[in-house]
């Protein structure tokens, strides 16, 4: 694979899209980074609010999407800000309920803004003190709030009785104006943090990913540790929380080491602990997100973010990834499947690029040492490529593939007609040394532009490229031909041609000349000793041999 060629073409493609953007509709502002914050009481906010510091002025470039209705007079502290569900406001605490206080999310957002000049940060705040993780599962929340979680049902009423439902409602609205970049989470005091709990935590996150059409490879999950101070209830659970890393593609852990409690109970951080924990959430998140700033995007309107959306890119048109068809003979790089998206250029059973390499759609592209490859291929998936066959003829097909089961493989179609044989991995493994060339038989291809389809026939094969090589000389386009055998001198060859022309059967003015490997050669090259094939208009082909 020519990496420089690919990067250059991609850059040109992006430039072209940028030029077209002014003619398209509005899209989210890429510099408006939005985070979902959920959990129980420590996330909801138990740090003491200092009104002069936390509420007197609007925080710089930091907004919240209100998750509940509250009059200013009902909110903790001395803010004059009333809020209404689904509207954007400066992120002034308390964000999660009117009666709560300072949350780690408050200083998480402020730290993210300070670390990313040019970015505006938004928070979607949904947390309920004391609840089990079941409160955030769509298939369990109703039974939970009607059962052992009924004492928290009133607080959940701020979120319509369905905390996850409110997250999804606000997430969809937030995506209209910004980009959901990550999730911060603090919960566990009310549950045993065993593998069942970890599975439920991941299930709650996966609901967010699936329902908001996000990509696990691009939306990190950062969990916070429980309070560890002397006399704290739950510091022993931190080992179980750390094991969440085995469930997530991008995971961070905000440490609670050295942070002080509120001095009132064994559960909650005090003001200084809340602030520092928020900063530690930010530190972990910054390790995991794409921090690219778009210099061409407008500044986010802090009063109404809808005023700062950007021109959308036009829909990606179906066609070759680099604008020009890949040529045959040659290598068809698996990862360079056509543009056009799901259902047109590819079909993939899993959402998101699990390896996170090269392209940002659902095809799993990985990067072994030798270059890019399409991996984790499953039965029924397919990819399409626009190709140009340079010359009609018979071609040998092969592919560089890997796998460990000796069953994962694929077949090829050219313009919906099956070509060649099934190609199956040799079971040598998945690492760089596991790749081997596998034969796909032969196929006769016609010159011109075609659509090549690669279809997976059995699970688990990684594909680097498919290669087409000429198997023999170009075949006749018609059965009508003249064959001249024997040994002839160059002058005798000219006499043979002249007699054929005289019969009216050949028009030599536009004849093409080929060696026996199918390579096109000049007319003058036929004067040297050798065997040649001559094709003339009308599909007539004849073979000659000359000697000096």
Protein backbone atom coordinates (compact mmCIF):
# COMPACT_ATOMS: atom_id res chain seq x y z
CA UNK A 1 0.00 0.00 0.00
CA UNK A 2 1.29 3.44 -0.89
CA UNK A 3 0.59 5.39 2.31
CA UNK A 4 1.63 8.75 0.84
CA UNK A 5 -0.71 8.27 -2.11
CA UNK A 6 -3.62 7.52 0.21
CA UNK A 7 -3.01 10.43 2.53
CA UNK A 8 -2.64 12.87 -0.35
CA UNK A 9 -5.84 11.68 -1.97
CA UNK A 10 -7.71 11.88 1.31
CA UNK A 11 -6.52 15.44 1.80
CA UNK A 12 -7.67 16.38 -1.68
CA UNK A 13 -11.02 14.76 -0.99
CA UNK A 14 -11.49 16.77 2.21
CA UNK A 15 -10.53 19.98 0.40
CA UNK A 16 -13.17 19.27 -2.21
CA UNK A 17 -15.80 18.64 0.44
CA UNK A 18 -14.88 21.87 2.20
CA UNK A 19 -15.34 23.79 -1.04
CA UNK A 20 -18.79 22.27 -1.48
CA UNK A 21 -19.87 22.81 2.11
CA UNK A 22 -21.19 26.31 1.59
CA UNK A 23 -23.97 24.91 -0.56
CA UNK A 24 -25.20 22.36 1.98
CA UNK A 25 -27.42 22.40 5.06
CA UNK A 26 -26.42 22.98 8.69
CA UNK A 27 -24.37 20.50 10.70
CA UNK A 28 -23.13 20.33 14.32
CA UNK A 29 -20.28 22.62 15.31
CA UNK A 30 -17.19 20.38 15.66
CA UNK A 31 -15.75 22.68 18.34
CA UNK A 32 -18.77 22.26 20.62
CA UNK A 33 -17.74 19.23 22.70
CA UNK A 34 -20.58 17.66 24.68
CA UNK A 35 -20.27 15.13 27.52
CA UNK A 36 -22.86 12.99 29.25
CA UNK A 37 -22.54 12.84 33.04
CA UNK A 38 -24.54 10.24 34.95
CA UNK A 39 -24.56 8.16 38.12
CA UNK A 40 -25.70 8.64 41.71
CA UNK A 41 -25.14 11.15 44.51
CA UNK A 42 -21.44 11.98 44.12
CA UNK A 43 -22.06 12.79 40.46
CA UNK A 44 -25.30 14.61 41.28
CA UNK A 45 -23.36 16.97 43.51
CA UNK A 46 -22.46 16.92 47.20
CA UNK A 47 -19.66 19.45 47.34
CA UNK A 48 -20.47 22.72 49.04
CA UNK A 49 -21.27 25.54 46.61
CA UNK A 50 -19.40 28.82 47.10
CA UNK A 51 -21.78 31.29 45.39
CA UNK A 52 -19.12 33.96 44.95
CA UNK A 53 -16.87 31.52 43.09
CA UNK A 54 -19.28 29.07 41.47
CA UNK A 55 -22.38 31.14 40.69
CA UNK A 56 -21.50 34.83 40.52
CA UNK A 57 -20.26 34.80 36.93
CA UNK A 58 -20.88 32.54 33.96
CA UNK A 59 -18.09 29.98 33.49
CA UNK A 60 -16.02 30.51 30.36
CA UNK A 61 -17.30 28.59 27.31
CA UNK A 62 -19.11 26.04 29.48
CA UNK A 63 -22.81 25.23 28.98
CA UNK A 64 -25.32 22.73 30.31
CA UNK A 65 -28.36 21.27 28.58
CA UNK A 66 -30.94 21.48 31.36
CA UNK A 67 -32.25 18.06 32.36
CA UNK A 68 -35.12 19.36 34.55
CA UNK A 69 -37.18 22.45 35.30
CA UNK A 70 -36.22 24.66 38.25
CA UNK A 71 -36.90 28.22 39.40
CA UNK A 72 -33.90 30.21 40.57
CA UNK A 73 -35.32 30.49 44.08
CA UNK A 74 -35.45 26.71 44.43
CA UNK A 75 -31.85 26.12 43.41
CA UNK A 76 -29.10 25.76 46.00
CA UNK A 77 -26.92 28.82 46.55
CA UNK A 78 -27.80 32.29 45.36
CA UNK A 79 -28.11 31.99 41.60
CA UNK A 80 -30.69 34.04 39.71
CA UNK A 81 -30.79 31.48 36.91
CA UNK A 82 -34.03 29.58 36.29
CA UNK A 83 -33.81 26.62 33.92
CA UNK A 84 -36.12 24.65 31.64
CA UNK A 85 -35.65 21.11 30.38
CA UNK A 86 -34.01 20.87 26.95
CA UNK A 87 -32.60 24.40 26.82
CA UNK A 88 -28.97 25.52 26.95
CA UNK A 89 -27.66 27.64 29.84
CA UNK A 90 -24.32 28.66 31.34
CA UNK A 91 -23.21 25.69 33.46
CA UNK A 92 -23.93 27.13 36.88
CA UNK A 93 -24.40 24.62 39.72
CA UNK A 94 -26.44 22.82 40.81
CA UNK A 95 -26.85 21.10 37.43
CA UNK A 96 -28.49 17.78 38.32
CA UNK A 97 -31.35 18.72 40.71
CA UNK A 98 -32.36 22.03 42.25
CA UNK A 99 -31.51 20.75 45.73
CA UNK A 100 -28.05 19.37 44.88
CA UNK A 101 -24.72 21.15 45.20
CA UNK A 102 -21.35 21.09 43.43
CA UNK A 103 -20.63 18.13 41.15
CA UNK A 104 -17.37 16.79 39.70
CA UNK A 105 -19.00 17.60 36.33
CA UNK A 106 -18.77 21.31 37.17
CA UNK A 107 -15.00 21.37 37.38
CA UNK A 108 -14.58 18.68 34.75
CA UNK A 109 -16.13 21.07 32.25
CA UNK A 110 -14.09 24.05 33.41
CA UNK A 111 -10.86 22.02 33.20
CA UNK A 112 -11.70 20.78 29.69
CA UNK A 113 -12.30 24.36 28.51
CA UNK A 114 -8.99 25.51 30.01
CA UNK A 115 -7.18 22.63 28.29
CA UNK A 116 -8.72 23.13 24.83
CA UNK A 117 -8.62 26.76 23.68
CA UNK A 118 -11.21 27.32 20.98
CA UNK A 119 -13.56 24.65 22.33
CA UNK A 120 -16.89 25.15 24.09
CA UNK A 121 -17.92 22.34 26.45
CA UNK A 122 -21.47 21.21 27.13
CA UNK A 123 -22.77 18.85 29.84
CA UNK A 124 -25.85 16.63 29.81
CA UNK A 125 -26.41 16.11 33.59
CA UNK A 126 -28.56 13.18 34.75
CA UNK A 127 -27.91 11.58 38.16
CA UNK A 128 -30.04 10.34 41.05
CA UNK A 129 -28.59 9.98 44.53
CA UNK A 130 -28.66 6.49 46.04
CA UNK A 131 -29.85 4.57 42.98
CA UNK A 132 -28.70 1.24 41.63
CA UNK A 133 -27.29 1.02 38.12
CA UNK A 134 -30.63 -0.59 37.24
CA UNK A 135 -32.12 2.90 37.25
CA UNK A 136 -30.25 3.53 33.97
CA UNK A 137 -31.33 0.38 32.13
CA UNK A 138 -34.30 0.77 29.83
CA UNK A 139 -35.55 -2.74 30.52
CA UNK A 140 -35.21 -2.50 34.31
CA UNK A 141 -35.77 1.09 35.50
CA UNK A 142 -39.59 0.84 35.76
CA UNK A 143 -39.51 -2.30 37.90
CA UNK A 144 -36.69 -0.85 39.99
CA UNK A 145 -38.51 2.40 40.80
CA UNK A 146 -41.68 0.45 41.60
CA UNK A 147 -39.72 -1.98 43.76
CA UNK A 148 -36.63 -1.60 45.94
CA UNK A 149 -35.84 1.79 44.38
CA UNK A 150 -39.23 3.35 45.07
CA UNK A 151 -37.78 5.74 47.68
CA UNK A 152 -35.88 7.44 44.83
CA UNK A 153 -38.84 7.61 42.47
CA UNK A 154 -39.60 11.22 43.37
CA UNK A 155 -36.11 12.39 42.49
CA UNK A 156 -36.26 10.45 39.23
CA UNK A 157 -39.42 12.44 38.50
CA UNK A 158 -37.18 15.35 37.52
CA UNK A 159 -36.24 13.16 34.52
CA UNK A 160 -39.75 12.01 33.69
CA UNK A 161 -39.24 8.92 35.85
CA UNK A 162 -36.75 7.49 33.30
CA UNK A 163 -33.14 8.71 33.75
CA UNK A 164 -31.79 6.94 30.66
CA UNK A 165 -34.75 8.16 28.64
CA UNK A 166 -33.87 11.73 29.60
CA UNK A 167 -30.21 11.16 28.63
CA UNK A 168 -31.28 9.96 25.20
CA UNK A 169 -33.81 12.76 24.73
CA UNK A 170 -31.18 15.41 25.51
CA UNK A 171 -28.45 13.57 23.61
CA UNK A 172 -30.45 13.71 20.39
CA UNK A 173 -31.00 17.43 20.86
CA UNK A 174 -27.34 18.02 21.69
CA UNK A 175 -26.20 16.26 18.51
CA UNK A 176 -28.00 18.86 16.44
CA UNK A 177 -25.55 21.55 17.52
CA UNK A 178 -22.43 19.79 18.80
CA UNK A 179 -20.47 16.56 19.02
CA UNK A 180 -20.88 14.08 21.88
CA UNK A 181 -17.27 13.41 22.82
CA UNK A 182 -17.44 11.22 25.92
CA UNK A 183 -19.16 9.99 29.07
CA UNK A 184 -18.25 10.51 32.74
CA UNK A 185 -19.75 8.20 35.34
CA UNK A 186 -19.81 7.85 39.13
CA UNK A 187 -21.91 5.09 40.68
CA UNK A 188 -21.41 1.93 42.72
CA UNK A 189 -22.01 2.73 46.33
CA UNK A 190 -25.49 1.21 46.03
CA UNK A 191 -24.36 -1.97 44.24
CA UNK A 192 -21.84 -4.73 44.57
CA UNK A 193 -19.27 -3.96 41.90
CA UNK A 194 -18.96 -7.53 40.62
CA UNK A 195 -19.05 -8.61 37.00
CA UNK A 196 -22.85 -8.41 36.93
CA UNK A 197 -22.59 -4.75 37.87
CA UNK A 198 -19.88 -4.17 35.28
CA UNK A 199 -22.06 -5.78 32.62
CA UNK A 200 -24.92 -3.48 33.56
CA UNK A 201 -22.71 -0.41 33.50
CA UNK A 202 -21.51 -1.34 30.04
CA UNK A 203 -25.11 -2.05 28.95
CA UNK A 204 -26.14 1.46 30.04
CA UNK A 205 -23.27 2.97 28.04
CA UNK A 206 -24.04 0.74 25.05
CA UNK A 207 -27.62 2.02 25.07
CA UNK A 208 -26.28 5.56 24.76
CA UNK A 209 -23.96 4.52 21.92
CA UNK A 210 -26.63 2.65 19.97
CA UNK A 211 -29.56 5.00 20.48
CA UNK A 212 -27.54 8.13 19.71
CA UNK A 213 -25.76 6.54 16.74
CA UNK A 214 -22.29 7.01 18.23
CA UNK A 215 -19.05 5.09 17.79
CA UNK A 216 -17.44 3.29 20.74
CA UNK A 217 -14.04 3.98 19.24
CA UNK A 218 -14.63 7.72 19.48
CA UNK A 219 -16.68 8.13 22.70
CA UNK A 220 -14.61 7.24 25.79
CA UNK A 221 -16.08 6.20 29.13
CA UNK A 222 -14.40 7.54 32.27
CA UNK A 223 -15.46 6.17 35.66
CA UNK A 224 -14.60 7.65 39.03
CA UNK A 225 -13.37 5.82 42.12
CA UNK A 226 -15.26 5.79 45.41
CA UNK A 227 -14.15 7.89 48.38
CA UNK A 228 -11.07 6.36 50.06
CA UNK A 229 -10.66 8.67 53.05
CA UNK A 230 -10.53 7.18 56.53
CA UNK A 231 -13.95 5.91 57.58
CA UNK A 232 -15.30 5.92 54.02
CA UNK A 233 -17.80 3.26 53.15
CA UNK A 234 -16.79 2.07 49.77
CA UNK A 235 -13.11 2.47 48.91
CA UNK A 236 -12.78 -1.33 48.85
CA UNK A 237 -14.94 -1.35 45.71
CA UNK A 238 -12.37 0.53 43.64
CA UNK A 239 -10.69 -2.67 42.46
CA UNK A 240 -13.96 -3.81 40.96
CA UNK A 241 -14.50 -0.42 39.33
CA UNK A 242 -11.03 -0.58 37.76
CA UNK A 243 -12.02 -3.85 36.05
CA UNK A 244 -14.49 -1.89 33.93
CA UNK A 245 -11.53 -1.36 31.61
CA UNK A 246 -12.12 -4.88 30.28
CA UNK A 247 -15.57 -3.91 29.02
CA UNK A 248 -14.80 -0.72 27.08
CA UNK A 249 -12.85 0.13 23.95
CA UNK A 250 -11.75 3.48 25.42
CA UNK A 251 -11.75 3.62 29.20
CA UNK A 252 -10.33 5.95 31.82
CA UNK A 253 -10.35 5.83 35.63
CA UNK A 254 -10.44 9.02 37.70
CA UNK A 255 -8.57 8.27 40.92
CA UNK A 256 -9.89 9.31 44.32
CA UNK A 257 -6.54 8.85 46.05
CA UNK A 258 -5.91 11.56 48.66
CA UNK A 259 -9.29 13.23 48.25
CA UNK A 260 -11.16 14.28 51.36
CA UNK A 261 -14.75 13.58 52.30
CA UNK A 262 -17.34 16.11 53.42
CA UNK A 263 -16.83 15.27 57.11
CA UNK A 264 -20.53 14.50 57.51
CA UNK A 265 -20.97 10.98 56.13
CA UNK A 266 -18.85 8.10 54.78
CA UNK A 267 -20.13 8.39 51.20
CA UNK A 268 -19.46 11.83 49.80
CA UNK A 269 -16.53 13.97 48.75
CA UNK A 270 -16.17 17.45 50.19
CA UNK A 271 -15.84 20.60 48.11
CA UNK A 272 -12.09 20.31 47.52
CA UNK A 273 -12.44 16.61 46.72
CA UNK A 274 -15.25 17.25 44.25
CA UNK A 275 -13.21 19.92 42.45
CA UNK A 276 -10.10 17.77 42.25
CA UNK A 277 -12.06 14.70 41.14
CA UNK A 278 -13.59 16.77 38.33
CA UNK A 279 -10.12 17.79 37.19
CA UNK A 280 -9.00 14.16 37.27
CA UNK A 281 -11.95 13.19 35.10
CA UNK A 282 -10.76 15.84 32.63
CA UNK A 283 -7.18 14.59 32.73
CA UNK A 284 -8.33 11.06 31.85
CA UNK A 285 -10.70 12.24 29.13
CA UNK A 286 -7.99 14.33 27.48
CA UNK A 287 -5.92 11.18 27.02
CA UNK A 288 -8.71 9.50 25.09
CA UNK A 289 -10.48 12.01 22.84
CA UNK A 290 -9.58 13.50 19.49
CA UNK A 291 -8.53 17.03 20.45
CA UNK A 292 -8.49 18.39 16.89
CA UNK A 293 -9.84 21.94 16.60
CA UNK A 294 -11.50 23.06 13.38
CA UNK A 295 -10.15 26.57 12.70
CA UNK A 296 -12.86 27.23 10.13
CA UNK A 297 -15.83 26.59 12.44
CA UNK A 298 -17.52 29.64 13.98
CA UNK A 299 -17.31 30.31 17.71
CA UNK A 300 -20.15 28.67 19.59
CA UNK A 301 -22.97 31.09 20.43
CA UNK A 302 -23.19 30.79 24.22
CA UNK A 303 -26.76 32.13 24.30
CA UNK A 304 -28.15 29.94 21.52
CA UNK A 305 -25.79 27.27 20.13
CA UNK A 306 -28.20 26.74 17.24
CA UNK A 307 -26.81 29.98 15.80
CA UNK A 308 -23.32 28.50 15.45
CA UNK A 309 -23.88 25.33 13.45
CA UNK A 310 -21.68 24.91 10.36
CA UNK A 311 -22.45 24.09 6.73
CA UNK A 312 -22.97 20.37 6.35
CA UNK A 313 -20.94 18.27 3.94
CA UNK A 314 -22.91 16.94 0.96
CA UNK A 315 -23.83 13.24 1.08
CA UNK A 316 -20.96 11.04 -0.04
CA UNK A 317 -21.55 9.92 -3.61
CA UNK A 318 -21.04 6.30 -4.54
CA UNK A 319 -17.79 5.67 -6.38
CA UNK A 320 -14.07 4.87 -6.13
CA UNK A 321 -12.47 5.86 -2.82
CA UNK A 322 -9.74 7.86 -4.54
CA UNK A 323 -11.83 9.13 -7.42
CA UNK A 324 -10.33 6.81 -10.04
CA UNK A 325 -11.05 3.08 -10.45
CA UNK A 326 -8.37 0.64 -9.33
CA UNK A 327 -6.79 -1.11 -12.27
CA UNK A 328 -6.61 -4.77 -13.25
CA UNK A 329 -4.03 -6.26 -13.55
CA UNK A 330 -2.95 -5.11 -10.12
CA UNK A 331 -3.75 -5.25 -6.42
CA UNK A 332 -7.16 -4.27 -5.05
CA UNK A 333 -6.49 -3.04 -1.51
CA UNK A 334 -9.32 -4.33 0.69
CA UNK A 335 -9.56 -1.14 2.77
CA UNK A 336 -10.07 1.03 -0.34
CA UNK A 337 -13.67 -0.06 -0.90
CA UNK A 338 -15.90 2.49 -2.59
CA UNK A 339 -17.34 5.60 -1.02
CA UNK A 340 -21.09 5.74 -0.59
CA UNK A 341 -21.72 4.29 2.85
CA UNK A 342 -23.60 1.36 4.30
CA UNK A 343 -25.88 -0.56 1.97
CA UNK A 344 -24.22 0.90 -1.12
CA UNK A 345 -20.46 0.49 -0.80
CA UNK A 346 -20.43 -2.07 2.00
CA UNK A 347 -22.49 -4.15 4.37
CA UNK A 348 -21.13 -4.78 7.87
CA UNK A 349 -22.88 -6.58 10.73
CA UNK A 350 -21.31 -4.56 13.57
CA UNK A 351 -21.65 -0.86 14.14
CA UNK A 352 -18.45 1.16 14.11
CA UNK A 353 -14.90 0.44 13.02
CA UNK A 354 -13.76 -1.78 15.90
CA UNK A 355 -10.08 -1.23 15.15
CA UNK A 356 -10.48 2.51 14.60
CA UNK A 357 -8.03 2.67 11.68
CA UNK A 358 -8.10 4.58 8.39
CA UNK A 359 -11.85 5.09 7.80
CA UNK A 360 -14.69 6.18 10.07
CA UNK A 361 -17.59 3.93 9.16
CA UNK A 362 -18.68 0.40 10.10
CA UNK A 363 -15.99 -1.58 8.28
CA UNK A 364 -13.33 -2.91 10.65
CA UNK A 365 -9.94 -1.78 9.34
CA UNK A 366 -6.82 -2.86 11.20
CA UNK A 367 -3.14 -2.16 10.74
CA UNK A 368 -0.81 -5.16 10.82
CA UNK A 369 2.88 -4.44 10.26
CA UNK A 370 2.63 -4.82 6.50
CA UNK A 371 -0.11 -2.18 6.10
CA UNK A 372 -3.88 -1.82 6.27
CA UNK A 373 -6.28 -4.77 6.15
CA UNK A 374 -10.02 -5.31 6.51
CA UNK A 375 -10.51 -7.50 9.58
CA UNK A 376 -13.08 -9.25 11.78
CA UNK A 377 -14.97 -10.23 8.62
CA UNK A 378 -18.18 -12.20 9.16
CA UNK A 379 -20.40 -14.28 6.89
CA UNK A 380 -22.72 -12.15 4.78
CA UNK A 381 -20.68 -8.94 4.91
CA UNK A 382 -19.54 -7.44 1.61
CA UNK A 383 -17.47 -4.68 0.04
CA UNK A 384 -17.62 -3.12 -3.43
CA UNK A 385 -14.89 -1.64 -5.61
CA UNK A 386 -14.97 0.18 -8.93
CA UNK A 387 -12.25 -1.35 -11.10
CA UNK A 388 -10.96 -0.90 -14.62
CA UNK A 389 -9.79 -3.95 -16.54
CA UNK A 390 -7.09 -2.74 -18.90
CA UNK A 391 -7.30 -5.63 -21.39
CA UNK A 392 -9.70 -8.44 -22.08
CA UNK A 393 -8.15 -11.74 -21.08
CA UNK A 394 -7.76 -14.53 -18.59
CA UNK A 395 -6.49 -13.52 -15.15
CA UNK A 396 -5.13 -15.44 -12.20
CA UNK A 397 -6.72 -14.38 -8.90
CA UNK A 398 -5.06 -14.53 -5.48
CA UNK A 399 -5.34 -12.78 -2.13
CA UNK A 400 -3.15 -12.02 0.88
CA UNK A 401 -5.28 -13.06 3.86
CA UNK A 402 -4.99 -14.23 7.48
CA UNK A 403 -7.00 -16.27 9.99
CA UNK A 404 -6.74 -19.13 12.41
CA UNK A 405 -9.73 -21.35 11.65
CA UNK A 406 -9.08 -22.51 8.04
CA UNK A 407 -12.74 -21.78 7.25
CA UNK A 408 -13.08 -17.99 7.10
CA UNK A 409 -13.06 -16.90 3.48
CA UNK A 410 -14.72 -14.99 0.65
CA UNK A 411 -15.78 -15.08 -2.99
CA UNK A 412 -15.74 -12.45 -5.74
CA UNK A 413 -18.33 -11.15 -8.18
CA UNK A 414 -17.75 -8.98 -11.23
CA UNK A 415 -20.89 -7.07 -12.18
CA UNK A 416 -22.91 -9.54 -10.05
CA UNK A 417 -21.49 -12.60 -11.81
CA UNK A 418 -19.39 -14.99 -9.73
CA UNK A 419 -15.73 -15.19 -10.74
CA UNK A 420 -12.95 -17.46 -9.52
CA UNK A 421 -12.90 -19.81 -6.55
CA UNK A 422 -13.57 -19.28 -2.86
CA UNK A 423 -10.46 -18.09 -1.01
CA UNK A 424 -10.07 -19.43 2.55
CA UNK A 425 -7.44 -18.60 5.19
CA UNK A 426 -4.76 -21.20 5.87
CA UNK A 427 -5.07 -21.01 9.66
CA UNK A 428 -1.65 -19.46 10.28
CA UNK A 429 -2.92 -16.90 12.81
CA UNK A 430 -3.77 -13.21 12.94
CA UNK A 431 -0.39 -11.54 13.34
CA UNK A 432 1.82 -10.34 10.53
CA UNK A 433 3.26 -13.81 9.98
CA UNK A 434 -0.23 -15.26 9.63
CA UNK A 435 -0.82 -13.67 6.22
CA UNK A 436 -0.40 -15.94 3.19
CA UNK A 437 -1.21 -15.79 -0.51
CA UNK A 438 -4.21 -17.95 -1.36
CA UNK A 439 -5.28 -18.81 -4.90
CA UNK A 440 -8.69 -17.83 -6.19
CA UNK A 441 -8.41 -19.65 -9.52
CA UNK A 442 -8.80 -17.95 -12.89
CA UNK A 443 -11.39 -15.76 -14.56
CA UNK A 444 -11.87 -14.27 -17.99
CA UNK A 445 -12.47 -10.54 -17.71
CA UNK A 446 -13.57 -8.02 -20.31
CA UNK A 447 -11.81 -4.71 -20.75
CA UNK A 448 -13.55 -1.69 -19.29
CA UNK A 449 -14.97 -0.38 -16.03
CA UNK A 450 -16.74 -2.83 -13.73
CA UNK A 451 -18.00 -3.27 -10.17
CA UNK A 452 -16.12 -5.86 -8.14
CA UNK A 453 -17.88 -7.27 -5.08
CA UNK A 454 -16.11 -9.15 -2.29
CA UNK A 455 -18.50 -11.25 -0.18
CA UNK A 456 -17.58 -13.05 3.05
CA UNK A 457 -18.66 -16.71 2.97
CA UNK A 458 -17.64 -17.74 6.49
CA UNK A 459 -16.67 -15.99 9.70
CA UNK A 460 -13.27 -14.61 10.59
CA UNK A 461 -10.84 -13.75 7.88
CA UNK A 462 -8.61 -10.68 7.55
CA UNK A 463 -7.97 -9.42 4.01
CA UNK A 464 -5.01 -7.31 2.94
CA UNK A 465 -5.55 -7.27 -0.84
CA UNK A 466 -6.82 -9.21 -3.84
CA UNK A 467 -4.49 -9.46 -6.82
CA UNK A 468 -5.23 -10.05 -10.50
CA UNK A 469 -2.43 -11.18 -12.85
CA UNK A 470 -2.59 -12.00 -16.54
CA UNK A 471 -2.75 -15.74 -17.05
CA UNK A 472 -2.16 -15.79 -20.83
CA UNK A 473 -2.23 -13.67 -23.96
CA UNK A 474 -5.32 -11.62 -24.70
CA UNK A 475 -8.11 -13.87 -25.92
CA UNK A 476 -10.00 -13.20 -29.16
CA UNK A 477 -13.22 -11.21 -28.91
CA UNK A 478 -14.56 -13.35 -31.77
CA UNK A 479 -14.03 -16.92 -32.96
CA UNK A 480 -13.13 -15.58 -36.40
CA UNK A 481 -9.33 -15.76 -36.67
CA UNK A 482 -6.47 -16.64 -38.92
CA UNK A 483 -3.48 -18.58 -37.62
CA UNK A 484 -0.15 -18.61 -39.41
CA UNK A 485 2.27 -21.27 -38.27
CA UNK A 486 5.75 -22.28 -39.15
CA UNK A 487 8.94 -20.29 -39.31
CA UNK A 488 8.97 -17.08 -41.26
CA UNK A 489 11.43 -14.30 -41.86
CA UNK A 490 10.42 -10.71 -41.20
CA UNK A 491 9.93 -10.13 -44.93
CA UNK A 492 7.87 -13.29 -45.26
CA UNK A 493 5.65 -12.07 -42.36
CA UNK A 494 4.97 -8.88 -44.29
CA UNK A 495 3.99 -10.94 -47.38
CA UNK A 496 1.59 -13.02 -45.25
CA UNK A 497 -0.01 -9.88 -43.91
CA UNK A 498 -0.26 -8.38 -47.40
CA UNK A 499 -2.03 -11.45 -48.76
CA UNK A 500 -4.48 -11.42 -45.84
CA UNK A 501 -5.20 -7.75 -46.43
CA UNK A 502 -5.72 -8.40 -50.12
CA UNK A 503 -8.50 -10.86 -49.31
CA UNK A 504 -10.31 -8.06 -47.51
CA UNK A 505 -10.27 -9.97 -44.24
CA UNK A 506 -7.86 -7.70 -42.34
CA UNK A 507 -7.47 -3.97 -41.75
CA UNK A 508 -3.90 -3.77 -40.53
CA UNK A 509 -3.90 0.02 -40.08
CA UNK A 510 -5.34 -0.38 -36.58
CA UNK A 511 -3.76 -3.72 -35.68
CA UNK A 512 -2.49 -4.36 -32.18
CA UNK A 513 0.53 -6.51 -31.41
CA UNK A 514 1.13 -8.64 -28.30
CA UNK A 515 3.84 -10.93 -26.96
CA UNK A 516 2.83 -14.34 -25.60
CA UNK A 517 2.47 -12.97 -22.07
CA UNK A 518 -0.28 -10.67 -23.29
CA UNK A 519 1.78 -7.49 -23.16
CA UNK A 520 1.02 -4.94 -25.84
CA UNK A 521 4.15 -4.24 -27.97
CA UNK A 522 5.03 -2.00 -30.88
CA UNK A 523 4.82 -3.13 -34.49
CA UNK A 524 8.58 -2.77 -34.89
CA UNK A 525 9.15 -5.28 -32.06
CA UNK A 526 7.72 -8.07 -34.25
CA UNK A 527 10.79 -7.82 -36.54
CA UNK A 528 12.91 -9.61 -33.94
CA UNK A 529 12.84 -13.36 -33.44
CA UNK A 530 9.86 -14.61 -31.46
CA UNK A 531 6.20 -15.61 -31.42
CA UNK A 532 3.58 -12.85 -31.50
CA UNK A 533 -0.16 -12.37 -31.55
CA UNK A 534 -1.83 -9.82 -33.78
CA UNK A 535 -5.36 -8.51 -33.24
CA UNK A 536 -7.17 -6.44 -35.82
CA UNK A 537 -10.55 -4.71 -35.84
CA UNK A 538 -13.48 -7.06 -36.30
CA UNK A 539 -12.19 -9.53 -33.70
CA UNK A 540 -9.73 -11.32 -36.00
CA UNK A 541 -6.60 -12.60 -34.29
CA UNK A 542 -3.66 -14.55 -35.71
CA UNK A 543 -0.35 -15.83 -34.41
CA UNK A 544 3.02 -15.56 -36.15
CA UNK A 545 6.57 -16.64 -35.45
CA UNK A 546 9.53 -14.81 -36.96
CA UNK A 547 13.23 -15.59 -37.21
CA UNK A 548 16.09 -13.39 -38.27
